[in-house]
Protein backbone atom coordinates (compact mmCIF):
# COMPACT_ATOMS: atom_id res chain seq x y z
CA UNK A 1 -34.11 9.93 -13.15
CA UNK A 2 -31.15 12.35 -13.23
CA UNK A 3 -27.81 11.06 -12.04
CA UNK A 4 -24.26 12.41 -11.86
CA UNK A 5 -20.94 10.79 -12.75
CA UNK A 6 -17.88 11.44 -10.61
CA UNK A 7 -14.51 10.15 -11.82
CA UNK A 8 -11.78 9.68 -9.22
CA UNK A 9 -8.30 8.74 -10.34
CA UNK A 10 -5.76 7.89 -7.65
CA UNK A 11 -2.20 6.72 -7.89
CA UNK A 12 -3.04 3.06 -8.55
CA UNK A 13 -6.77 2.87 -9.25
CA UNK A 14 -9.18 4.82 -11.45
CA UNK A 15 -12.83 4.82 -10.42
CA UNK A 16 -16.15 5.85 -11.92
CA UNK A 17 -19.09 6.39 -9.58
CA UNK A 18 -22.68 7.05 -10.63
CA UNK A 19 -24.64 8.99 -7.99
CA UNK A 20 -28.29 9.79 -7.63
CA UNK A 21 -28.70 13.55 -7.29
CA UNK A 22 -29.47 13.04 -3.59
CA UNK A 23 -25.91 11.76 -3.14
CA UNK A 24 -26.68 8.03 -3.04
CA UNK A 25 -24.01 5.98 -4.88
CA UNK A 26 -25.74 3.81 -7.48
CA UNK A 27 -22.71 1.97 -8.79
CA UNK A 28 -18.93 1.97 -8.57
CA UNK A 29 -16.45 0.52 -11.05
CA UNK A 30 -12.68 0.35 -10.65
CA UNK A 31 -9.68 -0.42 -12.80
CA UNK A 32 -6.08 -0.71 -11.67
CA UNK A 33 -3.65 1.48 -13.56
CA UNK A 34 -0.11 0.08 -13.55
CA UNK A 35 2.69 2.26 -12.29
CA UNK A 36 5.84 2.33 -14.38
CA UNK A 37 9.14 2.56 -12.51
CA UNK A 38 11.80 2.49 -15.25
CA UNK A 39 14.52 3.54 -12.82
CA UNK A 40 14.84 4.56 -9.17
CA UNK A 41 12.73 7.58 -8.16
CA UNK A 42 10.78 7.55 -11.43
CA UNK A 43 7.06 6.77 -10.97
CA UNK A 44 5.03 7.10 -14.16
CA UNK A 45 2.00 5.79 -16.03
CA UNK A 46 0.95 5.39 -19.63
CA UNK A 47 -1.49 8.21 -20.39
CA UNK A 48 -3.45 6.39 -23.08
CA UNK A 49 -3.65 3.33 -20.84
CA UNK A 50 -5.05 5.51 -18.06
CA UNK A 51 -7.79 6.83 -20.33
CA UNK A 52 -8.73 3.38 -21.63
CA UNK A 53 -8.93 2.02 -18.07
CA UNK A 54 -11.09 4.97 -17.03
CA UNK A 55 -13.35 4.51 -20.06
CA UNK A 56 -13.84 0.85 -19.12
CA UNK A 57 -14.71 1.85 -15.55
CA UNK A 58 -17.24 4.42 -16.80
CA UNK A 59 -18.94 1.85 -19.05
CA UNK A 60 -19.15 -0.66 -16.19
CA UNK A 61 -20.49 1.96 -13.76
CA UNK A 62 -23.22 3.00 -16.18
CA UNK A 63 -24.25 -0.62 -16.67
CA UNK A 64 -24.15 -1.23 -12.93
CA UNK A 65 -26.41 1.75 -12.19
CA UNK A 66 -29.25 0.02 -14.07
CA UNK A 67 -30.22 3.33 -15.52
CA UNK A 68 -29.90 4.45 -19.13
CA UNK A 69 -26.77 6.38 -20.04
CA UNK A 70 -28.76 9.52 -20.82
CA UNK A 71 -29.79 9.69 -17.15
CA UNK A 72 -26.24 10.94 -16.48
CA UNK A 73 -26.81 14.68 -16.78
CA UNK A 74 -23.34 15.97 -15.88
CA UNK A 75 -19.80 14.70 -15.27
CA UNK A 76 -16.68 15.90 -13.47
CA UNK A 77 -13.34 14.31 -12.69
CA UNK A 78 -10.90 14.56 -9.85
CA UNK A 79 -7.46 12.98 -9.64
CA UNK A 80 -4.14 13.02 -7.85
CA UNK A 81 -2.56 16.44 -7.78
CA UNK A 82 0.99 17.53 -8.53
CA UNK A 83 2.98 15.35 -10.89
CA UNK A 84 2.61 16.35 -14.54
CA UNK A 85 0.95 15.25 -17.79
CA UNK A 86 2.33 16.83 -20.95
CA UNK A 87 0.98 17.17 -24.50
CA UNK A 88 2.78 18.14 -27.69
CA UNK A 89 1.51 20.53 -30.37
CA UNK A 90 -0.64 17.74 -31.83
CA UNK A 91 -2.30 17.29 -28.44
CA UNK A 92 -0.76 13.87 -27.97
CA UNK A 93 0.95 12.60 -24.81
CA UNK A 94 4.56 13.73 -24.64
CA UNK A 95 5.92 10.73 -22.79
CA UNK A 96 4.30 9.04 -19.80
CA UNK A 97 2.44 10.94 -17.11
CA UNK A 98 4.52 11.57 -13.99
CA UNK A 99 2.86 10.73 -10.68
CA UNK A 100 3.10 12.66 -7.42
CA UNK A 101 5.10 9.76 -5.92
CA UNK A 102 7.94 10.53 -8.35
CA UNK A 103 11.06 11.94 -6.69
CA UNK A 104 13.49 12.34 -9.60
CA UNK A 105 13.56 16.11 -9.03
CA UNK A 106 14.51 15.82 -5.36
CA UNK A 107 17.97 17.32 -5.87
CA UNK A 108 16.49 20.29 -7.70
CA UNK A 109 13.97 20.94 -4.92
CA UNK A 110 16.73 20.56 -2.32
CA UNK A 111 18.96 23.03 -4.18
CA UNK A 112 16.12 25.53 -4.36
CA UNK A 113 15.53 25.10 -0.62
CA UNK A 114 19.22 25.69 0.12
CA UNK A 115 19.25 28.90 -1.92
CA UNK A 116 16.85 31.78 -2.41
CA UNK A 117 14.36 30.20 -4.83
CA UNK A 118 12.25 28.38 -2.24
CA UNK A 119 11.74 31.44 -0.03
CA UNK A 120 10.97 33.60 -3.06
CA UNK A 121 8.50 30.97 -4.26
CA UNK A 122 6.84 30.88 -0.83
CA UNK A 123 6.26 34.63 -0.91
CA UNK A 124 5.06 34.70 -4.52
CA UNK A 125 3.15 31.43 -4.93
CA UNK A 126 2.27 30.60 -1.32
CA UNK A 127 4.24 27.36 -1.20
CA UNK A 128 7.72 25.91 -1.11
CA UNK A 129 8.50 23.90 -4.28
CA UNK A 130 8.80 20.20 -3.56
CA UNK A 131 10.10 17.15 -5.39
CA UNK A 132 6.90 16.24 -7.30
CA UNK A 133 5.73 19.81 -7.95
CA UNK A 134 5.23 20.70 -11.63
CA UNK A 135 7.89 23.39 -11.22
CA UNK A 136 10.58 20.92 -10.10
CA UNK A 137 9.59 18.24 -12.63
CA UNK A 138 9.65 20.68 -15.53
CA UNK A 139 13.04 21.99 -14.38
CA UNK A 140 14.29 18.37 -14.31
CA UNK A 141 12.98 17.71 -17.83
CA UNK A 142 14.61 20.92 -19.06
CA UNK A 143 18.00 19.67 -17.81
CA UNK A 144 17.80 15.94 -18.53
CA UNK A 145 15.37 15.67 -21.48
CA UNK A 146 15.86 18.88 -23.49
CA UNK A 147 14.28 17.45 -26.67
CA UNK A 148 11.12 16.56 -24.75
CA UNK A 149 11.16 19.95 -23.05
CA UNK A 150 11.33 21.75 -26.39
CA UNK A 151 8.17 19.97 -27.59
CA UNK A 152 5.96 20.85 -24.60
CA UNK A 153 2.81 22.58 -25.83
CA UNK A 154 0.36 21.92 -22.99
CA UNK A 155 0.97 21.43 -19.25
CA UNK A 156 -1.84 19.47 -17.60
CA UNK A 157 -2.66 17.62 -14.42
CA UNK A 158 -4.05 14.09 -14.31
CA UNK A 159 -7.73 15.05 -14.15
CA UNK A 160 -7.19 17.62 -16.92
CA UNK A 161 -5.98 14.82 -19.18
CA UNK A 162 -9.14 12.82 -18.45
CA UNK A 163 -11.27 15.89 -19.12
CA UNK A 164 -9.48 16.32 -22.46
CA UNK A 165 -10.14 12.69 -23.33
CA UNK A 166 -13.84 13.14 -22.55
CA UNK A 167 -14.32 16.42 -24.41
CA UNK A 168 -11.31 17.38 -26.52
CA UNK A 169 -11.10 20.62 -24.50
CA UNK A 170 -7.77 21.61 -22.92
CA UNK A 171 -7.82 23.48 -19.62
CA UNK A 172 -7.67 23.24 -15.84
CA UNK A 173 -9.52 24.55 -12.79
CA UNK A 174 -8.62 26.99 -10.03
CA UNK A 175 -7.50 24.36 -7.50
CA UNK A 176 -5.18 22.54 -9.89
CA UNK A 177 -3.79 25.74 -11.41
CA UNK A 178 -2.26 26.69 -8.06
CA UNK A 179 0.10 23.72 -7.69
CA UNK A 180 3.14 25.81 -8.71
CA UNK A 181 2.60 28.83 -10.91
CA UNK A 182 -0.12 31.11 -9.52
CA UNK A 183 0.34 34.27 -7.49
CA UNK A 184 -0.98 33.63 -3.99
CA UNK A 185 -2.26 37.20 -3.85
CA UNK A 186 -4.41 37.32 -7.00
CA UNK A 187 -4.84 33.53 -7.54
CA UNK A 188 -3.96 33.65 -11.27
CA UNK A 189 -1.01 32.39 -13.30
CA UNK A 190 2.11 34.51 -12.88
CA UNK A 191 4.90 34.93 -15.44
CA UNK A 192 7.12 35.91 -12.50
CA UNK A 193 6.58 32.48 -10.99
CA UNK A 194 7.58 30.80 -14.24
CA UNK A 195 10.62 33.06 -14.48
CA UNK A 196 11.64 32.23 -10.90
CA UNK A 197 11.96 28.55 -11.84
CA UNK A 198 13.60 29.25 -15.22
CA UNK A 199 10.48 28.13 -17.09
CA UNK A 200 9.22 31.40 -18.59
CA UNK A 201 9.33 30.02 -22.15
CA UNK A 202 6.57 27.60 -21.13
CA UNK A 203 4.18 30.30 -19.95
CA UNK A 204 2.07 29.92 -23.10
CA UNK A 205 1.77 26.16 -22.39
CA UNK A 206 -0.18 26.78 -19.19
CA UNK A 207 -3.86 25.88 -19.64
CA UNK A 208 -6.87 28.17 -19.48
CA UNK A 209 -8.40 28.24 -15.99
CA UNK A 210 -12.09 27.72 -15.20
CA UNK A 211 -14.11 27.37 -12.03
CA UNK A 212 -14.35 23.82 -10.71
CA UNK A 213 -18.11 23.80 -11.31
CA UNK A 214 -17.95 25.53 -14.69
CA UNK A 215 -19.08 23.49 -17.70
CA UNK A 216 -16.06 23.39 -19.99
CA UNK A 217 -17.04 20.89 -22.66
CA UNK A 218 -19.35 18.14 -23.84
CA UNK A 219 -18.73 14.42 -24.18
CA UNK A 220 -17.35 13.83 -27.68
CA UNK A 221 -18.50 11.18 -30.11
CA UNK A 222 -15.24 9.27 -29.66
CA UNK A 223 -15.53 9.31 -25.86
CA UNK A 224 -19.19 8.31 -26.02
CA UNK A 225 -18.29 5.28 -28.14
CA UNK A 226 -15.64 4.13 -25.64
CA UNK A 227 -17.58 4.82 -22.44
CA UNK A 228 -21.22 4.33 -23.28
CA UNK A 229 -21.94 7.91 -22.22
CA UNK A 230 -24.36 10.01 -24.24
CA UNK A 231 -22.63 12.33 -26.68
CA UNK A 232 -23.08 15.95 -25.65
CA UNK A 233 -23.30 15.31 -21.89
CA UNK A 234 -21.95 18.39 -20.03
CA UNK A 235 -18.54 18.06 -18.35
CA UNK A 236 -17.43 20.39 -15.54
CA UNK A 237 -13.82 21.43 -14.97
CA UNK A 238 -13.45 19.29 -11.83
CA UNK A 239 -10.89 19.75 -9.08
CA UNK A 240 -7.79 18.48 -7.27
CA UNK A 241 -8.56 15.27 -5.33
CA UNK A 242 -7.40 16.73 -2.02
CA UNK A 243 -10.04 19.42 -2.32
CA UNK A 244 -12.62 16.97 -3.68
CA UNK A 245 -12.21 14.64 -0.70
CA UNK A 246 -12.68 17.50 1.76
CA UNK A 247 -15.73 18.69 -0.15
CA UNK A 248 -17.20 15.19 -0.20
CA UNK A 249 -17.14 14.91 3.61
CA UNK A 250 -18.39 18.43 4.33
CA UNK A 251 -14.93 19.59 5.33
CA UNK A 252 -14.13 22.26 2.73
CA UNK A 253 -15.02 25.25 4.87
CA UNK A 254 -13.35 27.55 7.40
CA UNK A 255 -12.78 26.24 10.92
CA UNK A 256 -12.59 22.60 9.86
CA UNK A 257 -9.42 20.57 9.37
CA UNK A 258 -10.18 17.94 6.76
CA UNK A 259 -7.96 14.87 7.09
CA UNK A 260 -7.44 12.36 4.30
CA UNK A 261 -5.54 9.26 5.45
CA UNK A 262 -4.65 7.71 2.11
CA UNK A 263 -1.43 7.34 0.17
CA UNK A 264 -0.67 10.88 1.30
CA UNK A 265 -1.08 12.43 4.73
CA UNK A 266 -3.41 15.25 3.74
CA UNK A 267 -4.56 17.90 6.18
CA UNK A 268 -6.28 21.07 5.02
CA UNK A 269 -8.05 24.17 6.28
CA UNK A 270 -9.92 26.75 4.18
CA UNK A 271 -9.32 30.44 4.92
CA UNK A 272 -10.72 33.70 3.60
CA UNK A 273 -7.30 35.29 3.31
CA UNK A 274 -3.90 33.96 2.27
CA UNK A 275 -1.47 33.03 5.02
CA UNK A 276 1.87 31.62 3.91
CA UNK A 277 4.17 29.41 5.94
CA UNK A 278 6.82 26.89 4.84
CA UNK A 279 4.89 24.17 6.70
CA UNK A 280 1.90 24.23 4.36
CA UNK A 281 0.83 25.03 0.79
CA UNK A 282 -1.46 28.05 0.47
CA UNK A 283 -3.37 27.17 -2.69
CA UNK A 284 -6.62 28.20 -4.33
CA UNK A 285 -9.84 26.93 -2.80
CA UNK A 286 -12.89 26.29 -4.96
CA UNK A 287 -14.34 29.77 -4.61
CA UNK A 288 -12.51 33.01 -5.53
CA UNK A 289 -11.26 34.84 -2.47
CA UNK A 290 -10.73 31.63 -0.50
CA UNK A 291 -7.53 29.67 -0.01
CA UNK A 292 -6.93 26.01 0.81
CA UNK A 293 -4.07 25.61 3.26
CA UNK A 294 -2.68 22.11 2.82
CA UNK A 295 -0.06 20.45 5.01
CA UNK A 296 0.84 17.17 3.35
CA UNK A 297 3.44 14.45 2.93
CA UNK A 298 3.41 11.03 1.19
CA UNK A 299 3.39 9.29 4.57
CA UNK A 300 0.01 7.92 5.57
CA UNK A 301 -2.04 4.76 5.09
CA UNK A 302 0.14 3.51 2.23
CA UNK A 303 2.52 2.38 4.99
CA UNK A 304 -0.24 0.20 6.46
CA UNK A 305 -1.02 -1.22 3.00
CA UNK A 306 2.68 -2.02 2.52
CA UNK A 307 2.78 -3.85 5.85
CA UNK A 308 -0.29 -5.92 4.92
CA UNK A 309 1.05 -6.74 1.45
CA UNK A 310 4.52 -7.62 2.74
CA UNK A 311 3.94 -9.32 6.09
CA UNK A 312 0.30 -10.45 6.06
CA UNK A 313 0.02 -12.40 2.81
CA UNK A 314 -1.55 -15.44 4.47
CA UNK A 315 -4.28 -13.25 5.96
CA UNK A 316 -4.88 -11.65 2.56
CA UNK A 317 -5.39 -15.09 1.04
CA UNK A 318 -7.67 -16.18 3.89
CA UNK A 319 -9.72 -13.01 3.58
CA UNK A 320 -10.14 -13.46 -0.16
CA UNK A 321 -11.16 -17.09 0.26
CA UNK A 322 -13.71 -16.33 3.00
CA UNK A 323 -15.01 -13.02 1.66
CA UNK A 324 -13.90 -11.24 4.82
CA UNK A 325 -11.91 -8.05 5.17
CA UNK A 326 -8.23 -8.48 5.94
CA UNK A 327 -8.61 -5.52 8.29
CA UNK A 328 -11.26 -7.42 10.27
CA UNK A 329 -9.03 -10.50 10.46
CA UNK A 330 -6.14 -8.46 11.87
CA UNK A 331 -8.33 -6.34 14.15
CA UNK A 332 -7.98 -8.63 17.20
CA UNK A 333 -4.18 -8.46 16.96
CA UNK A 334 -4.25 -4.67 16.93
CA UNK A 335 -6.85 -4.47 19.70
CA UNK A 336 -4.77 -6.79 21.90
CA UNK A 337 -1.64 -4.73 21.28
CA UNK A 338 -3.48 -1.56 22.30
CA UNK A 339 -4.20 -3.03 25.73
CA UNK A 340 -0.53 -3.52 26.70
CA UNK A 341 2.48 -1.22 26.99
CA UNK A 342 4.74 -1.09 23.95
CA UNK A 343 8.15 0.36 23.18
CA UNK A 344 7.68 -0.04 19.40
CA UNK A 345 7.67 3.19 17.38
CA UNK A 346 7.36 3.43 13.60
CA UNK A 347 8.23 6.38 11.38
CA UNK A 348 5.98 6.06 8.27
CA UNK A 349 8.41 7.35 5.67
CA UNK A 350 8.38 4.47 3.18
CA UNK A 351 7.39 6.77 0.32
CA UNK A 352 8.31 10.21 1.62
CA UNK A 353 8.15 12.44 4.67
CA UNK A 354 7.90 16.02 5.95
CA UNK A 355 11.69 15.89 6.39
CA UNK A 356 12.82 15.76 2.76
CA UNK A 357 13.39 13.06 0.20
CA UNK A 358 16.28 11.36 2.05
CA UNK A 359 14.16 10.33 5.07
CA UNK A 360 13.26 6.64 5.30
CA UNK A 361 10.96 4.48 7.41
CA UNK A 362 12.05 2.53 10.47
CA UNK A 363 10.89 0.57 13.48
CA UNK A 364 12.58 1.44 16.77
CA UNK A 365 12.15 -0.06 20.20
CA UNK A 366 11.26 -3.56 19.00
CA UNK A 367 11.80 -6.36 21.52
CA UNK A 368 11.94 -10.11 21.07
CA UNK A 369 8.77 -10.67 23.10
CA UNK A 370 6.71 -8.35 20.91
CA UNK A 371 4.68 -9.67 17.99
CA UNK A 372 3.11 -8.56 14.75
CA UNK A 373 0.26 -6.88 16.61
CA UNK A 374 2.72 -4.53 18.28
CA UNK A 375 4.18 -3.70 14.88
CA UNK A 376 0.72 -3.07 13.40
CA UNK A 377 -0.11 -0.80 16.32
CA UNK A 378 3.13 1.11 15.82
CA UNK A 379 2.40 1.54 12.09
CA UNK A 380 -1.06 2.96 12.78
CA UNK A 381 0.25 5.23 15.53
CA UNK A 382 3.07 6.44 13.29
CA UNK A 383 0.56 7.34 10.58
CA UNK A 384 -1.57 9.32 13.03
CA UNK A 385 1.53 10.96 14.56
CA UNK A 386 2.61 12.15 11.11
CA UNK A 387 -0.84 13.65 10.52
CA UNK A 388 -0.49 15.44 13.86
CA UNK A 389 2.82 16.98 12.75
CA UNK A 390 0.91 18.68 9.94
CA UNK A 391 -2.21 19.48 11.95
CA UNK A 392 -0.20 21.09 14.73
CA UNK A 393 1.31 23.39 12.11
CA UNK A 394 -2.14 24.33 10.81
CA UNK A 395 -3.40 24.92 14.35
CA UNK A 396 -0.59 27.45 14.77
CA UNK A 397 -2.00 29.46 11.88
CA UNK A 398 -5.75 28.92 11.89
CA UNK A 399 -8.69 28.64 14.26
CA UNK A 400 -9.52 24.95 13.91
CA UNK A 401 -12.74 23.97 15.67
CA UNK A 402 -13.33 20.45 14.39
CA UNK A 403 -11.70 17.64 12.41
CA UNK A 404 -13.23 15.46 9.71
CA UNK A 405 -11.51 12.24 8.67
CA UNK A 406 -11.77 10.20 5.49
CA UNK A 407 -9.74 7.52 3.76
CA UNK A 408 -10.05 3.73 3.81
CA UNK A 409 -8.62 3.39 7.31
CA UNK A 410 -11.18 5.83 8.72
CA UNK A 411 -13.80 3.06 8.59
CA UNK A 412 -11.89 1.25 11.34
CA UNK A 413 -13.35 2.57 14.65
CA UNK A 414 -10.11 1.82 16.55
CA UNK A 415 -8.10 3.89 14.06
CA UNK A 416 -10.61 6.78 14.16
CA UNK A 417 -10.52 6.76 17.97
CA UNK A 418 -6.72 6.73 17.82
CA UNK A 419 -6.82 9.92 15.74
CA UNK A 420 -9.07 11.61 18.31
CA UNK A 421 -6.81 10.56 21.19
CA UNK A 422 -3.58 11.57 19.42
CA UNK A 423 -4.95 14.91 18.21
CA UNK A 424 -6.73 15.52 21.55
CA UNK A 425 -9.75 16.83 19.66
CA UNK A 426 -13.07 15.42 18.39
CA UNK A 427 -12.80 13.65 15.04
CA UNK A 428 -15.87 13.11 12.86
CA UNK A 429 -16.08 10.36 10.26
CA UNK A 430 -18.75 10.83 7.59
CA UNK A 431 -20.21 7.68 6.05
CA UNK A 432 -19.13 8.60 2.54
CA UNK A 433 -17.73 5.65 0.64
CA UNK A 434 -16.46 7.66 -2.33
CA UNK A 435 -15.76 11.11 -0.92
CA UNK A 436 -13.55 12.41 -3.74
CA UNK A 437 -15.87 11.16 -6.50
CA UNK A 438 -18.83 12.76 -4.70
CA UNK A 439 -16.88 16.01 -4.45
CA UNK A 440 -16.44 15.90 -8.23
CA UNK A 441 -20.13 15.06 -8.69
CA UNK A 442 -21.10 18.08 -6.57
CA UNK A 443 -19.16 20.25 -9.01
CA UNK A 444 -20.88 18.58 -11.95
CA UNK A 445 -24.30 19.14 -10.40
CA UNK A 446 -23.52 22.76 -9.59
CA UNK A 447 -22.34 23.25 -13.16
CA UNK A 448 -25.84 22.55 -14.49
CA UNK A 449 -27.58 24.29 -11.55
CA UNK A 450 -28.90 21.17 -9.82
CA UNK A 451 -27.03 22.52 -6.78
CA UNK A 452 -26.60 26.19 -5.95
CA UNK A 453 -22.85 25.65 -5.49
CA UNK A 454 -20.43 22.76 -4.90
CA UNK A 455 -20.93 23.31 -1.16
CA UNK A 456 -24.69 22.77 -1.50
CA UNK A 457 -24.54 19.12 -0.42
CA UNK A 458 -28.07 17.63 -0.51
CA UNK A 459 -27.28 14.91 2.04
CA UNK A 460 -28.17 15.06 5.72
CA UNK A 461 -24.60 14.93 7.00
CA UNK A 462 -25.66 14.98 10.65
CA UNK A 463 -27.46 11.69 10.16
CA UNK A 464 -24.58 9.88 8.48
CA UNK A 465 -21.59 10.62 10.66
CA UNK A 466 -19.99 9.50 13.90
CA UNK A 467 -17.86 11.65 16.16
CA UNK A 468 -15.02 10.15 18.20
CA UNK A 469 -14.08 12.12 21.32
CA UNK A 470 -10.63 11.95 22.92
CA UNK A 471 -10.05 10.03 26.12
CA UNK A 472 -8.04 12.22 28.51
CA UNK A 473 -5.83 9.44 29.86
CA UNK A 474 -5.03 8.03 26.43
CA UNK A 475 -4.31 11.52 25.05
CA UNK A 476 -1.84 12.10 27.88
CA UNK A 477 -0.09 8.79 27.16
CA UNK A 478 0.00 9.51 23.43
CA UNK A 479 1.53 12.93 24.10
CA UNK A 480 4.57 11.22 25.60
CA UNK A 481 4.87 8.82 22.65
CA UNK A 482 4.36 11.65 20.14
CA UNK A 483 7.11 13.77 21.67
CA UNK A 484 9.48 10.81 21.44
CA UNK A 485 8.38 10.20 17.83
CA UNK A 486 9.32 13.81 16.99
CA UNK A 487 12.60 13.72 18.95
CA UNK A 488 13.74 10.57 17.15
CA UNK A 489 12.88 12.02 13.74
CA UNK A 490 14.85 15.17 14.52
CA UNK A 491 17.82 13.09 15.73
CA UNK A 492 17.78 11.01 12.54
CA UNK A 493 17.80 13.96 10.14
CA UNK A 494 21.60 14.10 9.77
CA UNK A 495 21.76 10.30 9.37
CA UNK A 496 19.08 9.82 6.70
CA UNK A 497 21.25 11.15 3.84
CA UNK A 498 23.99 8.70 4.86
CA UNK A 499 21.50 5.83 4.86
CA UNK A 500 20.13 6.95 1.50
CA UNK A 501 23.68 7.17 0.17
CA UNK A 502 24.20 3.44 0.64
CA UNK A 503 22.33 2.78 -2.62
CA UNK A 504 23.63 5.64 -4.76
CA UNK A 505 26.38 3.61 -6.41
CA UNK A 506 24.16 0.55 -6.68
CA UNK A 507 27.00 -1.77 -5.69
CA UNK A 508 26.42 -4.58 -3.22
CA UNK A 509 29.10 -4.98 -0.54
């Protein structure tokens, strides 16, 4: 029976998912991919190691599907966006891949924001350059690693590297192409954009652009040997994981704000015309003549994961020993905290924020009689508040009629209800375990005409989703807390650089 393979590579884990063509996941295999942090603000990974880990996951997923490898009729990959993966003239990795959590180019992005470059970039490309954008990272490499810069022959994203490893074909898709260098008006690469960032000599290193559902290559003999895939299997161009996640939950369409609560706070609305604003990125959607308006920051559920890893180790061990979920073990603490008043407020800026690279996380309002449950509640509220910052911006620009939520935390009913109450709008959670991988698989299926288009989802979405509706009283209470959350963040803006400056010299007092 025909099946589809969707590859989803995040910032720490690479996954391979085999789907039946009706959308049913048949098997999932995961491999952790170590992050390399050779110095502060540098977050990288070994590119060959990433491919080998992904190949292992593919082989395990095929075996786990209990179907022969030649049942996989098409493949597509999705992966974290931004960051950068470079190849030299021999098509070999030119140093490690740089992840979107990397902030080495923060000073460059800040300098652009203080001058004219950022506003010119907004008008031309539809987005303000940020610290992990390819534009800022390439500008950093040009200054600090000129020998590496001079050898750049191909500029790729993460999923483009995986596609190359599968097929030997170099290229990208429309969604990934628009991370820095496309004209927002005509949605194609612009030499003026490269010139604006001082990168015009690299214009020829930009990859060819295909549609996300366009077949761009076939599985090579070498890739087939490593993965167990059948040589010659069609591979589609794939897409940025933000877009893939929205597609996988039925949220990549006008009038819907798709929310991904993962490492990043991702909030996106599709429009049929470009609308630029410094509060969001106006990037290419899957289809020509549509734009994906993304308001994002690296400040979402990764904060919750950090709290669990740092302060809930005993519960992690208990959960592993008993086969339970650590989230289920901690649920009663959170539920109890939600029933009582709390002064605790958390700003979820452990890894980044909407306020620039100097912002940092903090608890405020903690009292001696409060416990870990109050802190967990504050972390979850802070995550949802940060999403609201972005969603409020999008609601200023677009007619948003519904919200769809995905991400690991969305499976927690209390957290989903919290989103509805904080946003004061209905929030729908679709029972899609691997939304981004399914979004990639939809592109693969459309590429070989199993589906009419990537939006032709064969599943009955109405029968596999739950909608959480806001409670008026709770929404009113959250409005007060949200306004205080925003006021504190605004008050801290002049202090964050001073706090950040405490570690610049690296000397202990």
